[in-house]
Amino acid sequence: NAQLPPLADQINALSNQFNNGVLLESSELTALKQWREDAHKTVDQFYERKYRQFEQVIQERKAKQKKELDRMRSNVNELIQEQEATQDQIDLMAESIRSLERDVNNLEHVHFNINPLVIDDNLISVPQETASRDLLLVPSMHQTMQSTPDRVMSNDKHRVEHQKRNSCFPGKQNTDFKTSRTKPPISKNFS
């Protein structure tokens, strides 16, 4: 019996550890958190790379449009100074301006082809059973006792006898149980 208080202390310490979440802060959870941070960094880096690519495409298109706009401005100024523009030249210049205008408007409405990020659930495997199998071996303090018709119950350590006695109250009976230890069977070795 002197061994029970230290066992109770150990159980209380484990209970405190469990209630305070110490068991949940395992190295595996720390690794999972690190994986999450790394995954976020990877997504952020991917985003930044695609953003720079898009900016580069836009800047290149804008540079081409500006170059075309400057060329058209120069041609119109030249035609104005010469004052000898033909109808074909004027029609061609008008069509070039409409084409550039469409290209500028299309630049404002560029559409990405963005696919959703697909994450394979098998990237991280979580074991289904996290409890130790040894916990199943903890004996229960409750044990089954077998009863006989004469109301005597026993197991390999205890025997309970049922006795009825009359009560002070009419129609009521009190029941007493008498418990005694049974002796373990004696084993003999015969050589």
C-alpha atoms as a PDB file:
ATOM      1  CA  ASN A   1       0.000   0.000   0.000  1.00  0.00           C
ATOM      2  CA  ALA A   2       2.947   2.342   0.518  1.00  0.00           C
ATOM      3  CA  GLN A   3       3.619   2.073  -3.210  1.00  0.00           C
ATOM      4  CA  LEU A   4       0.227   3.582  -4.148  1.00  0.00           C
ATOM      5  CA  PRO A   5       0.837   7.279  -3.248  1.00  0.00           C
ATOM      6  CA  PRO A   6       3.857   7.561  -5.600  1.00  0.00           C
ATOM      7  CA  LEU A   7       1.741   5.962  -8.341  1.00  0.00           C
ATOM      8  CA  ALA A   8      -1.020   8.487  -7.670  1.00  0.00           C
ATOM      9  CA  ASP A   9       1.584  11.274  -7.878  1.00  0.00           C
ATOM     10  CA  GLN A  10       2.761   9.949 -11.240  1.00  0.00           C
ATOM     11  CA  ILE A  11      -0.827   9.830 -12.498  1.00  0.00           C
ATOM     12  CA  ASN A  12      -1.393  13.418 -11.313  1.00  0.00           C
ATOM     13  CA  ALA A  13       1.807  14.573 -13.028  1.00  0.00           C
ATOM     14  CA  LEU A  14       0.712  12.894 -16.266  1.00  0.00           C
ATOM     15  CA  SER A  15      -2.731  14.466 -15.911  1.00  0.00           C
ATOM     16  CA  ASN A  16      -1.178  17.927 -15.476  1.00  0.00           C
ATOM     17  CA  GLN A  17       1.068  17.311 -18.452  1.00  0.00           C
ATOM     18  CA  PHE A  18      -1.933  16.231 -20.512  1.00  0.00           C
ATOM     19  CA  ASN A  19      -4.151  19.145 -19.396  1.00  0.00           C
ATOM     20  CA  ASN A  20      -1.434  21.732 -20.019  1.00  0.00           C
ATOM     21  CA  GLY A  21      -0.931  20.577 -23.586  1.00  0.00           C
ATOM     22  CA  VAL A  22       2.659  19.484 -23.103  1.00  0.00           C
ATOM     23  CA  LEU A  23       1.948  16.226 -24.871  1.00  0.00           C
ATOM     24  CA  LEU A  24       0.592  18.098 -27.890  1.00  0.00           C
ATOM     25  CA  GLU A  25       3.784  20.071 -28.431  1.00  0.00           C
ATOM     26  CA  SER A  26       5.663  17.156 -29.854  1.00  0.00           C
ATOM     27  CA  SER A  27       8.549  17.416 -32.263  1.00  0.00           C
ATOM     28  CA  GLU A  28       6.221  16.171 -35.001  1.00  0.00           C
ATOM     29  CA  LEU A  29       3.883  19.134 -34.504  1.00  0.00           C
ATOM     30  CA  THR A  30       6.880  21.451 -34.552  1.00  0.00           C
ATOM     31  CA  ALA A  31       7.955  19.856 -37.834  1.00  0.00           C
ATOM     32  CA  LEU A  32       4.411  20.261 -39.195  1.00  0.00           C
ATOM     33  CA  LYS A  33       4.411  23.954 -38.288  1.00  0.00           C
ATOM     34  CA  GLN A  34       7.801  24.366 -39.974  1.00  0.00           C
ATOM     35  CA  TRP A  35       6.462  22.588 -43.079  1.00  0.00           C
ATOM     36  CA  ARG A  36       3.532  25.029 -43.122  1.00  0.00           C
ATOM     37  CA  GLU A  37       5.843  28.035 -42.898  1.00  0.00           C
ATOM     38  CA  ASP A  38       8.042  26.637 -45.678  1.00  0.00           C
ATOM     39  CA  ALA A  39       4.968  25.941 -47.829  1.00  0.00           C
ATOM     40  CA  HIS A  40       3.759  29.523 -47.338  1.00  0.00           C
ATOM     41  CA  LYS A  41       7.197  30.809 -48.332  1.00  0.00           C
ATOM     42  CA  THR A  42       7.127  28.622 -51.446  1.00  0.00           C
ATOM     43  CA  VAL A  43       3.688  29.951 -52.429  1.00  0.00           C
ATOM     44  CA  ASP A  44       4.812  33.536 -51.745  1.00  0.00           C
ATOM     45  CA  GLN A  45       7.952  33.060 -53.851  1.00  0.00           C
ATOM     46  CA  PHE A  46       5.878  31.535 -56.671  1.00  0.00           C
ATOM     47  CA  TYR A  47       3.470  34.477 -56.498  1.00  0.00           C
ATOM     48  CA  GLU A  48       6.313  37.019 -56.589  1.00  0.00           C
ATOM     49  CA  ARG A  49       7.904  35.283 -59.599  1.00  0.00           C
ATOM     50  CA  LYS A  50       4.606  35.236 -61.538  1.00  0.00           C
ATOM     51  CA  TYR A  51       3.892  38.835 -60.551  1.00  0.00           C
ATOM     52  CA  ARG A  52       7.295  39.936 -61.909  1.00  0.00           C
ATOM     53  CA  GLN A  53       6.704  37.932 -65.102  1.00  0.00           C
ATOM     54  CA  PHE A  54       3.356  39.666 -65.584  1.00  0.00           C
ATOM     55  CA  GLU A  55       4.866  43.091 -64.942  1.00  0.00           C
ATOM     56  CA  GLN A  56       7.594  42.335 -67.463  1.00  0.00           C
ATOM     57  CA  VAL A  57       5.064  41.291 -70.132  1.00  0.00           C
ATOM     58  CA  ILE A  58       3.010  44.444 -69.479  1.00  0.00           C
ATOM     59  CA  GLN A  59       6.084  46.684 -69.595  1.00  0.00           C
ATOM     60  CA  GLU A  60       7.230  45.107 -72.877  1.00  0.00           C
ATOM     61  CA  ARG A  61       3.774  45.562 -74.429  1.00  0.00           C
ATOM     62  CA  LYS A  62       3.577  49.137 -73.184  1.00  0.00           C
ATOM     63  CA  ALA A  63       7.015  49.867 -74.618  1.00  0.00           C
ATOM     64  CA  LYS A  64       5.934  48.486 -78.021  1.00  0.00           C
ATOM     65  CA  GLN A  65       2.696  50.479 -77.877  1.00  0.00           C
ATOM     66  CA  LYS A  66       4.552  53.662 -76.968  1.00  0.00           C
ATOM     67  CA  LYS A  67       7.003  53.086 -79.805  1.00  0.00           C
ATOM     68  CA  GLU A  68       4.096  52.559 -82.229  1.00  0.00           C
ATOM     69  CA  LEU A  69       2.307  55.627 -80.861  1.00  0.00           C
ATOM     70  CA  ASP A  70       5.467  57.744 -81.310  1.00  0.00           C
ATOM     71  CA  ARG A  71       5.861  56.445 -84.889  1.00  0.00           C
ATOM     72  CA  MET A  72       2.219  57.242 -85.695  1.00  0.00           C
ATOM     73  CA  ARG A  73       2.518  60.724 -84.158  1.00  0.00           C
ATOM     74  CA  SER A  74       5.598  61.388 -86.272  1.00  0.00           C
ATOM     75  CA  ASN A  75       3.813  60.200 -89.451  1.00  0.00           C
ATOM     76  CA  VAL A  76       0.720  62.329 -88.759  1.00  0.00           C
ATOM     77  CA  ASN A  77       2.879  65.398 -88.041  1.00  0.00           C
ATOM     78  CA  GLU A  78       4.766  64.795 -91.274  1.00  0.00           C
ATOM     79  CA  LEU A  79       1.525  64.461 -93.265  1.00  0.00           C
ATOM     80  CA  ILE A  80       0.171  67.641 -91.647  1.00  0.00           C
ATOM     81  CA  GLN A  81       3.306  69.574 -92.590  1.00  0.00           C
ATOM     82  CA  GLU A  82       3.283  68.313 -96.171  1.00  0.00           C
ATOM     83  CA  GLN A  83      -0.453  68.867 -96.527  1.00  0.00           C
ATOM     84  CA  GLU A  84      -0.484  66.390 -99.356  1.00  0.00           C
ATOM     85  CA  ALA A  85      -1.936  63.293 -97.665  1.00  0.00           C
ATOM     86  CA  THR A  86      -3.952  60.963 -99.852  1.00  0.00           C
ATOM     87  CA  GLN A  87      -7.233  59.426 -98.739  1.00  0.00           C
ATOM     88  CA  ASP A  88      -5.526  56.022 -98.616  1.00  0.00           C
ATOM     89  CA  GLN A  89      -2.860  57.407 -96.241  1.00  0.00           C
ATOM     90  CA  ILE A  90      -5.527  58.976 -94.033  1.00  0.00           C
ATOM     91  CA  ASP A  91      -7.586  55.723 -93.993  1.00  0.00           C
ATOM     92  CA  LEU A  92      -4.467  53.668 -93.211  1.00  0.00           C
ATOM     93  CA  MET A  93      -3.528  56.064 -90.380  1.00  0.00           C
ATOM     94  CA  ALA A  94      -7.082  55.914 -88.947  1.00  0.00           C
ATOM     95  CA  GLU A  95      -7.040  52.088 -89.024  1.00  0.00           C
ATOM     96  CA  SER A  96      -3.593  52.032 -87.326  1.00  0.00           C
ATOM     97  CA  ILE A  97      -4.910  54.325 -84.562  1.00  0.00           C
ATOM     98  CA  ARG A  98      -8.002  52.099 -84.003  1.00  0.00           C
ATOM     99  CA  SER A  99      -5.782  49.015 -83.891  1.00  0.00           C
ATOM    100  CA  LEU A 100      -3.457  50.605 -81.320  1.00  0.00           C
ATOM    101  CA  GLU A 101      -6.467  51.758 -79.299  1.00  0.00           C
ATOM    102  CA  ARG A 102      -7.828  48.174 -79.199  1.00  0.00           C
ATOM    103  CA  ASP A 103      -4.410  46.902 -78.126  1.00  0.00           C
ATOM    104  CA  VAL A 104      -4.219  49.486 -75.309  1.00  0.00           C
ATOM    105  CA  ASN A 105      -7.748  48.577 -74.132  1.00  0.00           C
ATOM    106  CA  ASN A 106      -6.906  44.870 -74.253  1.00  0.00           C
ATOM    107  CA  LEU A 107      -3.892  45.528 -72.073  1.00  0.00           C
ATOM    108  CA  GLU A 108      -6.227  46.750 -69.323  1.00  0.00           C
ATOM    109  CA  HIS A 109      -8.213  43.506 -69.513  1.00  0.00           C
ATOM    110  CA  VAL A 110      -5.491  40.899 -69.514  1.00  0.00           C
ATOM    111  CA  HIS A 111      -6.750  37.562 -68.194  1.00  0.00           C
ATOM    112  CA  PHE A 112      -4.598  35.075 -66.391  1.00  0.00           C
ATOM    113  CA  ASN A 113      -4.968  31.362 -66.728  1.00  0.00           C
ATOM    114  CA  ILE A 114      -4.944  30.547 -63.014  1.00  0.00           C
ATOM    115  CA  ASN A 115      -5.508  26.989 -61.925  1.00  0.00           C
ATOM    116  CA  PRO A 116      -6.413  26.206 -58.309  1.00  0.00           C
ATOM    117  CA  LEU A 117      -3.616  24.972 -56.118  1.00  0.00           C
ATOM    118  CA  VAL A 118      -4.020  21.233 -55.747  1.00  0.00           C
ATOM    119  CA  ILE A 119      -2.549  19.773 -52.589  1.00  0.00           C
ATOM    120  CA  ASP A 120      -2.108  16.052 -52.395  1.00  0.00           C
ATOM    121  CA  ASP A 121      -3.440  14.859 -49.039  1.00  0.00           C
ATOM    122  CA  ASN A 122      -0.663  12.253 -48.992  1.00  0.00           C
ATOM    123  CA  LEU A 123       2.015  14.942 -48.628  1.00  0.00           C
ATOM    124  CA  ILE A 124       1.700  14.432 -44.891  1.00  0.00           C
ATOM    125  CA  SER A 125       0.731  11.123 -43.328  1.00  0.00           C
ATOM    126  CA  VAL A 126      -0.855  11.202 -39.899  1.00  0.00           C
ATOM    127  CA  PRO A 127      -0.994   7.865 -38.103  1.00  0.00           C
ATOM    128  CA  GLN A 128      -4.529   6.811 -37.266  1.00  0.00           C
ATOM    129  CA  GLU A 129      -3.628   5.371 -33.864  1.00  0.00           C
ATOM    130  CA  THR A 130      -1.522   7.606 -31.669  1.00  0.00           C
ATOM    131  CA  ALA A 131      -2.096   5.916 -28.310  1.00  0.00           C
ATOM    132  CA  SER A 132       0.404   3.404 -27.106  1.00  0.00           C
ATOM    133  CA  ARG A 133      -0.792  -0.155 -27.283  1.00  0.00           C
ATOM    134  CA  ASP A 134       0.564  -0.649 -23.769  1.00  0.00           C
ATOM    135  CA  LEU A 135      -2.294   1.464 -22.404  1.00  0.00           C
ATOM    136  CA  LEU A 136      -4.628  -1.376 -23.240  1.00  0.00           C
ATOM    137  CA  LEU A 137      -2.813  -3.532 -20.725  1.00  0.00           C
ATOM    138  CA  VAL A 138      -3.659  -1.320 -17.737  1.00  0.00           C
ATOM    139  CA  PRO A 139      -5.743  -3.513 -15.434  1.00  0.00           C
ATOM    140  CA  SER A 140      -9.132  -2.298 -14.377  1.00  0.00           C
ATOM    141  CA  MET A 141      -9.811  -1.998 -10.673  1.00  0.00           C
ATOM    142  CA  HIS A 142     -13.229  -3.541 -11.283  1.00  0.00           C
ATOM    143  CA  GLN A 143     -13.296  -7.266 -11.699  1.00  0.00           C
ATOM    144  CA  THR A 144     -16.104  -9.589 -12.575  1.00  0.00           C
ATOM    145  CA  MET A 145     -17.308 -11.893  -9.881  1.00  0.00           C
ATOM    146  CA  GLN A 146     -19.353 -14.955 -10.600  1.00  0.00           C
ATOM    147  CA  SER A 147     -22.515 -15.542  -8.623  1.00  0.00           C
ATOM    148  CA  THR A 148     -24.081 -18.820  -7.658  1.00  0.00           C
ATOM    149  CA  PRO A 149     -27.750 -19.417  -6.875  1.00  0.00           C
ATOM    150  CA  ASP A 150     -27.047 -19.338  -3.158  1.00  0.00           C
ATOM    151  CA  ARG A 151     -25.764 -15.784  -3.620  1.00  0.00           C
ATOM    152  CA  VAL A 152     -22.107 -16.397  -3.020  1.00  0.00           C
ATOM    153  CA  MET A 153     -19.847 -14.569  -5.462  1.00  0.00           C
ATOM    154  CA  SER A 154     -16.166 -15.154  -5.891  1.00  0.00           C
ATOM    155  CA  ASN A 155     -13.207 -14.570  -8.124  1.00  0.00           C
ATOM    156  CA  ASP A 156      -9.629 -15.712  -7.723  1.00  0.00           C
ATOM    157  CA  LYS A 157      -8.981 -13.233  -4.861  1.00  0.00           C
ATOM    158  CA  HIS A 158     -12.268 -12.467  -3.062  1.00  0.00           C
ATOM    159  CA  ARG A 159     -15.417 -14.205  -1.944  1.00  0.00           C
ATOM    160  CA  VAL A 160     -18.615 -12.298  -1.149  1.00  0.00           C
ATOM    161  CA  GLU A 161     -21.398 -13.909   0.876  1.00  0.00           C
ATOM    162  CA  HIS A 162     -24.887 -12.492   0.765  1.00  0.00           C
ATOM    163  CA  GLN A 163     -26.886 -12.507   4.008  1.00  0.00           C
ATOM    164  CA  LYS A 164     -30.389 -11.197   4.616  1.00  0.00           C
ATOM    165  CA  ARG A 165     -31.473  -9.817   7.961  1.00  0.00           C
ATOM    166  CA  ASN A 166     -34.689  -8.321   9.145  1.00  0.00           C
ATOM    167  CA  SER A 167     -35.038  -4.576   9.263  1.00  0.00           C
ATOM    168  CA  CYS A 168     -36.694  -2.357  11.825  1.00  0.00           C
ATOM    169  CA  PHE A 169     -39.065  -1.241   9.100  1.00  0.00           C
ATOM    170  CA  PRO A 170     -41.876  -3.607   8.225  1.00  0.00           C
ATOM    171  CA  GLY A 171     -41.641  -5.055   4.742  1.00  0.00           C
ATOM    172  CA  LYS A 172     -38.030  -4.010   4.302  1.00  0.00           C
ATOM    173  CA  GLN A 173     -34.983  -6.194   4.450  1.00  0.00           C
ATOM    174  CA  ASN A 174     -31.385  -5.101   4.810  1.00  0.00           C
ATOM    175  CA  THR A 175     -28.694  -6.933   2.997  1.00  0.00           C
ATOM    176  CA  ASP A 176     -25.192  -7.443   4.342  1.00  0.00           C
ATOM    177  CA  PHE A 177     -22.260  -8.543   2.278  1.00  0.00           C
ATOM    178  CA  LYS A 178     -19.391 -10.299   3.938  1.00  0.00           C
ATOM    179  CA  THR A 179     -16.113 -10.245   2.043  1.00  0.00           C
ATOM    180  CA  SER A 180     -13.237 -12.567   2.684  1.00  0.00           C
ATOM    181  CA  ARG A 181     -10.020 -13.267   0.815  1.00  0.00           C
ATOM    182  CA  THR A 182      -9.703 -16.596  -0.832  1.00  0.00           C
ATOM    183  CA  LYS A 183      -6.469 -18.442  -0.679  1.00  0.00           C
ATOM    184  CA  PRO A 184      -4.708 -18.873  -3.997  1.00  0.00           C
ATOM    185  CA  PRO A 185      -4.451 -22.461  -5.170  1.00  0.00           C
ATOM    186  CA  ILE A 186      -1.289 -24.195  -4.081  1.00  0.00           C
ATOM    187  CA  SER A 187       0.778 -25.431  -6.939  1.00  0.00           C
ATOM    188  CA  LYS A 188       2.944 -28.432  -6.416  1.00  0.00           C
ATOM    189  CA  ASN A 189       5.783 -29.535  -8.577  1.00  0.00           C
ATOM    190  CA  PHE A 190       6.247 -33.233  -8.951  1.00  0.00           C
ATOM    191  CA  SER A 191       9.512 -34.428 -10.275  1.00  0.00           C
END
